[in-house]
């Protein structure tokens, strides 16, 4: 009996606010740009990025490598 081929699901996230449409890729690019200008972070050491969308603040907060904080204005 042949093995069942596992289906791949295309995943995409769009956050729309204030006339903007942001994807996860957009947020990663903006966060990396922000981090590249900091003295406390070497972008080549980036291992993880977590994002927290807070529309009431018009911001997306992010945590890099579990200890470096930043934010993105919406």
PDB file of N, CA and C in Angstrom:
ATOM      1  N   UNK A   1       0.838  -1.175   0.000  1.00  0.00           N
ATOM      2  CA  UNK A   1       0.000   0.000   0.000  1.00  0.00           C
ATOM      3  C   UNK A   1       0.895   1.255   0.000  1.00  0.00           C
ATOM      4  N   UNK A   2       0.609   2.176  -0.880  1.00  0.00           N
ATOM      5  CA  UNK A   2       1.410   3.397  -1.013  1.00  0.00           C
ATOM      6  C   UNK A   2       1.126   4.350   0.146  1.00  0.00           C
ATOM      7  N   UNK A   3       2.163   5.034   0.588  1.00  0.00           N
ATOM      8  CA  UNK A   3       2.010   6.011   1.668  1.00  0.00           C
ATOM      9  C   UNK A   3       1.234   7.219   1.159  1.00  0.00           C
ATOM     10  N   UNK A   4       0.389   7.745   2.016  1.00  0.00           N
ATOM     11  CA  UNK A   4      -0.364   8.938   1.655  1.00  0.00           C
ATOM     12  C   UNK A   4       0.570  10.134   1.598  1.00  0.00           C
ATOM     13  N   UNK A   5       0.413  10.930   0.566  1.00  0.00           N
ATOM     14  CA  UNK A   5       1.210  12.142   0.443  1.00  0.00           C
ATOM     15  C   UNK A   5       0.613  13.201   1.375  1.00  0.00           C
ATOM     16  N   UNK A   6       1.477  13.773   2.207  1.00  0.00           N
ATOM     17  CA  UNK A   6       1.033  14.798   3.141  1.00  0.00           C
ATOM     18  C   UNK A   6       0.754  16.094   2.385  1.00  0.00           C
ATOM     19  N   UNK A   7      -0.412  16.672   2.626  1.00  0.00           N
ATOM     20  CA  UNK A   7      -0.781  17.919   1.963  1.00  0.00           C
ATOM     21  C   UNK A   7      -0.072  19.095   2.627  1.00  0.00           C
ATOM     22  N   UNK A   8       0.364  20.020   1.804  1.00  0.00           N
ATOM     23  CA  UNK A   8       0.982  21.229   2.305  1.00  0.00           C
ATOM     24  C   UNK A   8      -0.050  22.344   2.242  1.00  0.00           C
ATOM     25  N   UNK A   9      -0.209  23.033   3.352  1.00  0.00           N
ATOM     26  CA  UNK A   9      -1.163  24.132   3.416  1.00  0.00           C
ATOM     27  C   UNK A   9      -0.406  25.442   3.302  1.00  0.00           C
ATOM     28  N   UNK A  10      -0.826  26.261   2.379  1.00  0.00           N
ATOM     29  CA  UNK A  10      -0.222  27.583   2.244  1.00  0.00           C
ATOM     30  C   UNK A  10      -0.738  28.453   3.383  1.00  0.00           C
ATOM     31  N   UNK A  11       0.189  29.061   4.130  1.00  0.00           N
ATOM     32  CA  UNK A  11      -0.175  29.910   5.254  1.00  0.00           C
ATOM     33  C   UNK A  11       0.223  31.338   4.941  1.00  0.00           C
ATOM     34  N   UNK A  12      -0.694  32.244   5.183  1.00  0.00           N
ATOM     35  CA  UNK A  12      -0.414  33.648   4.943  1.00  0.00           C
ATOM     36  C   UNK A  12      -1.173  34.462   5.983  1.00  0.00           C
ATOM     37  N   UNK A  13      -0.539  35.502   6.484  1.00  0.00           N
ATOM     38  CA  UNK A  13      -1.142  36.356   7.494  1.00  0.00           C
ATOM     39  C   UNK A  13      -1.078  37.793   6.993  1.00  0.00           C
ATOM     40  N   UNK A  14      -2.215  38.473   7.036  1.00  0.00           N
ATOM     41  CA  UNK A  14      -2.266  39.885   6.670  1.00  0.00           C
ATOM     42  C   UNK A  14      -2.885  40.644   7.833  1.00  0.00           C
ATOM     43  N   UNK A  15      -2.225  41.729   8.215  1.00  0.00           N
ATOM     44  CA  UNK A  15      -2.768  42.609   9.234  1.00  0.00           C
ATOM     45  C   UNK A  15      -3.075  43.922   8.545  1.00  0.00           C
ATOM     46  N   UNK A  16      -4.339  44.313   8.570  1.00  0.00           N
ATOM     47  CA  UNK A  16      -4.756  45.524   7.880  1.00  0.00           C
ATOM     48  C   UNK A  16      -5.255  46.552   8.885  1.00  0.00           C
ATOM     49  N   UNK A  17      -4.656  47.742   8.824  1.00  0.00           N
ATOM     50  CA  UNK A  17      -5.076  48.825   9.703  1.00  0.00           C
ATOM     51  C   UNK A  17      -4.607  50.156   9.130  1.00  0.00           C
ATOM     52  N   UNK A  18      -5.353  51.191   9.380  1.00  0.00           N
ATOM     53  CA  UNK A  18      -5.001  52.548   8.950  1.00  0.00           C
ATOM     54  C   UNK A  18      -4.588  52.600   7.471  1.00  0.00           C
ATOM     55  N   UNK A  19      -5.262  51.842   6.625  1.00  0.00           N
ATOM     56  CA  UNK A  19      -4.967  51.845   5.198  1.00  0.00           C
ATOM     57  C   UNK A  19      -3.714  51.078   4.818  1.00  0.00           C
ATOM     58  N   UNK A  20      -3.120  50.345   5.769  1.00  0.00           N
ATOM     59  CA  UNK A  20      -1.918  49.557   5.496  1.00  0.00           C
ATOM     60  C   UNK A  20      -2.262  48.081   5.477  1.00  0.00           C
ATOM     61  N   UNK A  21      -1.497  47.328   4.733  1.00  0.00           N
ATOM     62  CA  UNK A  21      -1.615  45.877   4.683  1.00  0.00           C
ATOM     63  C   UNK A  21      -0.223  45.306   4.951  1.00  0.00           C
ATOM     64  N   UNK A  22      -0.041  44.689   6.104  1.00  0.00           N
ATOM     65  CA  UNK A  22       1.262  44.155   6.485  1.00  0.00           C
ATOM     66  C   UNK A  22       1.216  42.634   6.573  1.00  0.00           C
ATOM     67  N   UNK A  23       2.245  42.001   6.062  1.00  0.00           N
ATOM     68  CA  UNK A  23       2.382  40.548   6.166  1.00  0.00           C
ATOM     69  C   UNK A  23       3.458  40.233   7.201  1.00  0.00           C
ATOM     70  N   UNK A  24       3.588  38.976   7.553  1.00  0.00           N
ATOM     71  CA  UNK A  24       4.645  38.554   8.471  1.00  0.00           C
ATOM     72  C   UNK A  24       6.004  38.914   7.883  1.00  0.00           C
ATOM     73  N   UNK A  25       6.160  38.735   6.589  1.00  0.00           N
ATOM     74  CA  UNK A  25       7.423  39.065   5.927  1.00  0.00           C
ATOM     75  C   UNK A  25       7.739  40.550   6.066  1.00  0.00           C
ATOM     76  N   UNK A  26       6.704  41.402   5.955  1.00  0.00           N
ATOM     77  CA  UNK A  26       6.900  42.845   6.135  1.00  0.00           C
ATOM     78  C   UNK A  26       7.384  43.146   7.551  1.00  0.00           C
ATOM     79  N   UNK A  27       6.744  42.525   8.545  1.00  0.00           N
ATOM     80  CA  UNK A  27       7.114  42.758   9.932  1.00  0.00           C
ATOM     81  C   UNK A  27       8.543  42.293  10.216  1.00  0.00           C
ATOM     82  N   UNK A  28       8.919  41.150   9.668  1.00  0.00           N
ATOM     83  CA  UNK A  28      10.283  40.640   9.847  1.00  0.00           C
ATOM     84  C   UNK A  28      11.286  41.611   9.241  1.00  0.00           C
ATOM     85  N   UNK A  29      11.009  42.084   8.044  1.00  0.00           N
ATOM     86  CA  UNK A  29      11.913  43.021   7.366  1.00  0.00           C
ATOM     87  C   UNK A  29      12.079  44.305   8.175  1.00  0.00           C
ATOM     88  N   UNK A  30      10.971  44.865   8.676  1.00  0.00           N
ATOM     89  CA  UNK A  30      11.020  46.098   9.455  1.00  0.00           C
ATOM     90  C   UNK A  30      11.770  45.873  10.772  1.00  0.00           C
ATOM     91  N   UNK A  31      11.508  44.755  11.444  1.00  0.00           N
ATOM     92  CA  UNK A  31      12.187  44.458  12.703  1.00  0.00           C
ATOM     93  C   UNK A  31      13.688  44.277  12.488  1.00  0.00           C
ATOM     94  N   UNK A  32      14.073  43.563  11.436  1.00  0.00           N
ATOM     95  CA  UNK A  32      15.496  43.370  11.142  1.00  0.00           C
ATOM     96  C   UNK A  32      16.180  44.702  10.848  1.00  0.00           C
ATOM     97  N   UNK A  33      15.496  45.578  10.130  1.00  0.00           N
ATOM     98  CA  UNK A  33      16.046  46.906   9.829  1.00  0.00           C
ATOM     99  C   UNK A  33      16.275  47.672  11.129  1.00  0.00           C
ATOM    100  N   UNK A  34      15.286  47.641  12.025  1.00  0.00           N
ATOM    101  CA  UNK A  34      15.415  48.305  13.313  1.00  0.00           C
ATOM    102  C   UNK A  34      16.583  47.720  14.110  1.00  0.00           C
ATOM    103  N   UNK A  35      16.669  46.410  14.169  1.00  0.00           N
ATOM    104  CA  UNK A  35      17.715  45.736  14.947  1.00  0.00           C
ATOM    105  C   UNK A  35      19.109  45.979  14.381  1.00  0.00           C
ATOM    106  N   UNK A  36      19.211  46.161  13.066  1.00  0.00           N
ATOM    107  CA  UNK A  36      20.521  46.351  12.440  1.00  0.00           C
ATOM    108  C   UNK A  36      21.175  47.682  12.820  1.00  0.00           C
ATOM    109  N   UNK A  37      20.373  48.622  13.319  1.00  0.00           N
ATOM    110  CA  UNK A  37      20.892  49.934  13.710  1.00  0.00           C
ATOM    111  C   UNK A  37      21.194  50.037  15.198  1.00  0.00           C
ATOM    112  N   UNK A  38      21.110  48.935  15.908  1.00  0.00           N
ATOM    113  CA  UNK A  38      21.326  48.955  17.355  1.00  0.00           C
ATOM    114  C   UNK A  38      22.719  48.474  17.716  1.00  0.00           C
ATOM    115  N   UNK A  39      23.218  49.020  18.812  1.00  0.00           N
ATOM    116  CA  UNK A  39      24.521  48.604  19.315  1.00  0.00           C
ATOM    117  C   UNK A  39      24.424  47.329  20.151  1.00  0.00           C
ATOM    118  N   UNK A  40      23.228  47.052  20.718  1.00  0.00           N
ATOM    119  CA  UNK A  40      23.058  45.902  21.606  1.00  0.00           C
ATOM    120  C   UNK A  40      22.678  44.616  20.878  1.00  0.00           C
ATOM    121  N   UNK A  41      22.641  44.636  19.552  1.00  0.00           N
ATOM    122  CA  UNK A  41      22.185  43.460  18.792  1.00  0.00           C
ATOM    123  C   UNK A  41      22.964  43.343  17.494  1.00  0.00           C
ATOM    124  N   UNK A  42      23.502  42.179  17.245  1.00  0.00           N
ATOM    125  CA  UNK A  42      24.141  41.887  15.966  1.00  0.00           C
ATOM    126  C   UNK A  42      23.147  41.058  15.162  1.00  0.00           C
ATOM    127  N   UNK A  43      22.709  41.563  14.030  1.00  0.00           N
ATOM    128  CA  UNK A  43      21.656  40.920  13.242  1.00  0.00           C
ATOM    129  C   UNK A  43      22.020  39.485  12.848  1.00  0.00           C
ATOM    130  N   UNK A  44      23.299  39.185  12.719  1.00  0.00           N
ATOM    131  CA  UNK A  44      23.704  37.818  12.371  1.00  0.00           C
ATOM    132  C   UNK A  44      23.468  36.845  13.534  1.00  0.00           C
ATOM    133  N   UNK A  45      23.250  37.375  14.741  1.00  0.00           N
ATOM    134  CA  UNK A  45      22.967  36.540  15.908  1.00  0.00           C
ATOM    135  C   UNK A  45      21.470  36.319  16.122  1.00  0.00           C
ATOM    136  N   UNK A  46      20.640  36.838  15.230  1.00  0.00           N
ATOM    137  CA  UNK A  46      19.193  36.720  15.365  1.00  0.00           C
ATOM    138  C   UNK A  46      18.753  35.271  15.201  1.00  0.00           C
ATOM    139  N   UNK A  47      18.102  34.736  16.233  1.00  0.00           N
ATOM    140  CA  UNK A  47      17.628  33.341  16.213  1.00  0.00           C
ATOM    141  C   UNK A  47      16.114  33.244  16.285  1.00  0.00           C
ATOM    142  N   UNK A  48      15.470  34.250  16.908  1.00  0.00           N
ATOM    143  CA  UNK A  48      14.015  34.198  17.027  1.00  0.00           C
ATOM    144  C   UNK A  48      13.425  35.603  17.053  1.00  0.00           C
ATOM    145  N   UNK A  49      12.207  35.703  16.551  1.00  0.00           N
ATOM    146  CA  UNK A  49      11.434  36.943  16.571  1.00  0.00           C
ATOM    147  C   UNK A  49      10.000  36.604  16.948  1.00  0.00           C
ATOM    148  N   UNK A  50       9.484  37.280  17.950  1.00  0.00           N
ATOM    149  CA  UNK A  50       8.083  37.118  18.347  1.00  0.00           C
ATOM    150  C   UNK A  50       7.402  38.469  18.154  1.00  0.00           C
ATOM    151  N   UNK A  51       6.184  38.446  17.619  1.00  0.00           N
ATOM    152  CA  UNK A  51       5.444  39.679  17.367  1.00  0.00           C
ATOM    153  C   UNK A  51       4.158  39.701  18.180  1.00  0.00           C
ATOM    154  N   UNK A  52       3.821  40.891  18.698  1.00  0.00           N
ATOM    155  CA  UNK A  52       2.610  41.105  19.467  1.00  0.00           C
ATOM    156  C   UNK A  52       1.905  42.324  18.890  1.00  0.00           C
ATOM    157  N   UNK A  53       0.778  42.095  18.236  1.00  0.00           N
ATOM    158  CA  UNK A  53       0.028  43.170  17.604  1.00  0.00           C
ATOM    159  C   UNK A  53      -0.879  43.807  18.657  1.00  0.00           C
ATOM    160  N   UNK A  54      -0.744  45.110  18.817  1.00  0.00           N
ATOM    161  CA  UNK A  54      -1.575  45.840  19.780  1.00  0.00           C
ATOM    162  C   UNK A  54      -2.199  47.043  19.074  1.00  0.00           C
ATOM    163  N   UNK A  55      -3.348  46.810  18.408  1.00  0.00           N
ATOM    164  CA  UNK A  55      -3.975  47.868  17.612  1.00  0.00           C
ATOM    165  C   UNK A  55      -4.331  49.114  18.424  1.00  0.00           C
ATOM    166  N   UNK A  56      -4.706  48.945  19.700  1.00  0.00           N
ATOM    167  CA  UNK A  56      -5.093  50.116  20.487  1.00  0.00           C
ATOM    168  C   UNK A  56      -3.915  51.063  20.736  1.00  0.00           C
ATOM    169  N   UNK A  57      -2.679  50.556  20.608  1.00  0.00           N
ATOM    170  CA  UNK A  57      -1.480  51.404  20.705  1.00  0.00           C
ATOM    171  C   UNK A  57      -0.960  51.805  19.324  1.00  0.00           C
ATOM    172  N   UNK A  58      -1.590  51.299  18.269  1.00  0.00           N
ATOM    173  CA  UNK A  58      -1.121  51.481  16.890  1.00  0.00           C
ATOM    174  C   UNK A  58       0.324  51.010  16.741  1.00  0.00           C
ATOM    175  N   UNK A  59       0.624  49.862  17.363  1.00  0.00           N
ATOM    176  CA  UNK A  59       1.978  49.317  17.333  1.00  0.00           C
ATOM    177  C   UNK A  59       1.960  47.799  17.216  1.00  0.00           C
ATOM    178  N   UNK A  60       3.068  47.295  16.686  1.00  0.00           N
ATOM    179  CA  UNK A  60       3.381  45.868  16.763  1.00  0.00           C
ATOM    180  C   UNK A  60       4.674  45.811  17.571  1.00  0.00           C
ATOM    181  N   UNK A  61       4.611  45.144  18.714  1.00  0.00           N
ATOM    182  CA  UNK A  61       5.796  44.994  19.550  1.00  0.00           C
ATOM    183  C   UNK A  61       6.501  43.709  19.145  1.00  0.00           C
ATOM    184  N   UNK A  62       7.835  43.678  19.262  1.00  0.00           N
ATOM    185  CA  UNK A  62       8.553  42.452  18.950  1.00  0.00           C
ATOM    186  C   UNK A  62       9.639  42.178  19.982  1.00  0.00           C
ATOM    187  N   UNK A  63       9.964  40.897  20.109  1.00  0.00           N
ATOM    188  CA  UNK A  63      11.025  40.441  21.002  1.00  0.00           C
ATOM    189  C   UNK A  63      11.970  39.598  20.151  1.00  0.00           C
ATOM    190  N   UNK A  64      13.236  39.995  20.131  1.00  0.00           N
ATOM    191  CA  UNK A  64      14.262  39.268  19.383  1.00  0.00           C
ATOM    192  C   UNK A  64      15.102  38.462  20.371  1.00  0.00           C
ATOM    193  N   UNK A  65      15.312  37.202  20.060  1.00  0.00           N
ATOM    194  CA  UNK A  65      16.152  36.319  20.883  1.00  0.00           C
ATOM    195  C   UNK A  65      15.741  36.316  22.356  1.00  0.00           C
ATOM    196  N   UNK A  66      14.467  36.452  22.608  1.00  0.00           N
ATOM    197  CA  UNK A  66      13.895  36.393  23.960  1.00  0.00           C
ATOM    198  C   UNK A  66      14.353  37.498  24.904  1.00  0.00           C
ATOM    199  N   UNK A  67      15.109  38.503  24.409  1.00  0.00           N
ATOM    200  CA  UNK A  67      15.569  39.525  25.346  1.00  0.00           C
ATOM    201  C   UNK A  67      15.706  40.936  24.775  1.00  0.00           C
ATOM    202  N   UNK A  68      15.589  41.104  23.491  1.00  0.00           N
ATOM    203  CA  UNK A  68      15.733  42.439  22.886  1.00  0.00           C
ATOM    204  C   UNK A  68      14.359  42.901  22.415  1.00  0.00           C
ATOM    205  N   UNK A  69      13.905  44.029  22.943  1.00  0.00           N
ATOM    206  CA  UNK A  69      12.569  44.525  22.655  1.00  0.00           C
ATOM    207  C   UNK A  69      12.592  45.628  21.610  1.00  0.00           C
ATOM    208  N   UNK A  70      11.487  45.728  20.870  1.00  0.00           N
ATOM    209  CA  UNK A  70      11.330  46.794  19.895  1.00  0.00           C
ATOM    210  C   UNK A  70       9.875  46.963  19.537  1.00  0.00           C
ATOM    211  N   UNK A  71       9.578  47.958  18.724  1.00  0.00           N
ATOM    212  CA  UNK A  71       8.202  48.168  18.286  1.00  0.00           C
ATOM    213  C   UNK A  71       8.176  48.756  16.883  1.00  0.00           C
ATOM    214  N   UNK A  72       7.058  48.542  16.239  1.00  0.00           N
ATOM    215  CA  UNK A  72       6.817  49.036  14.882  1.00  0.00           C
ATOM    216  C   UNK A  72       5.543  49.870  14.919  1.00  0.00           C
ATOM    217  N   UNK A  73       5.624  51.102  14.468  1.00  0.00           N
ATOM    218  CA  UNK A  73       4.430  51.962  14.398  1.00  0.00           C
ATOM    219  C   UNK A  73       3.550  51.513  13.246  1.00  0.00           C
ATOM    220  N   UNK A  74       2.251  51.516  13.507  1.00  0.00           N
ATOM    221  CA  UNK A  74       1.299  51.171  12.443  1.00  0.00           C
ATOM    222  C   UNK A  74       0.759  52.422  11.806  1.00  0.00           C
TER     223      UNK A  74
END
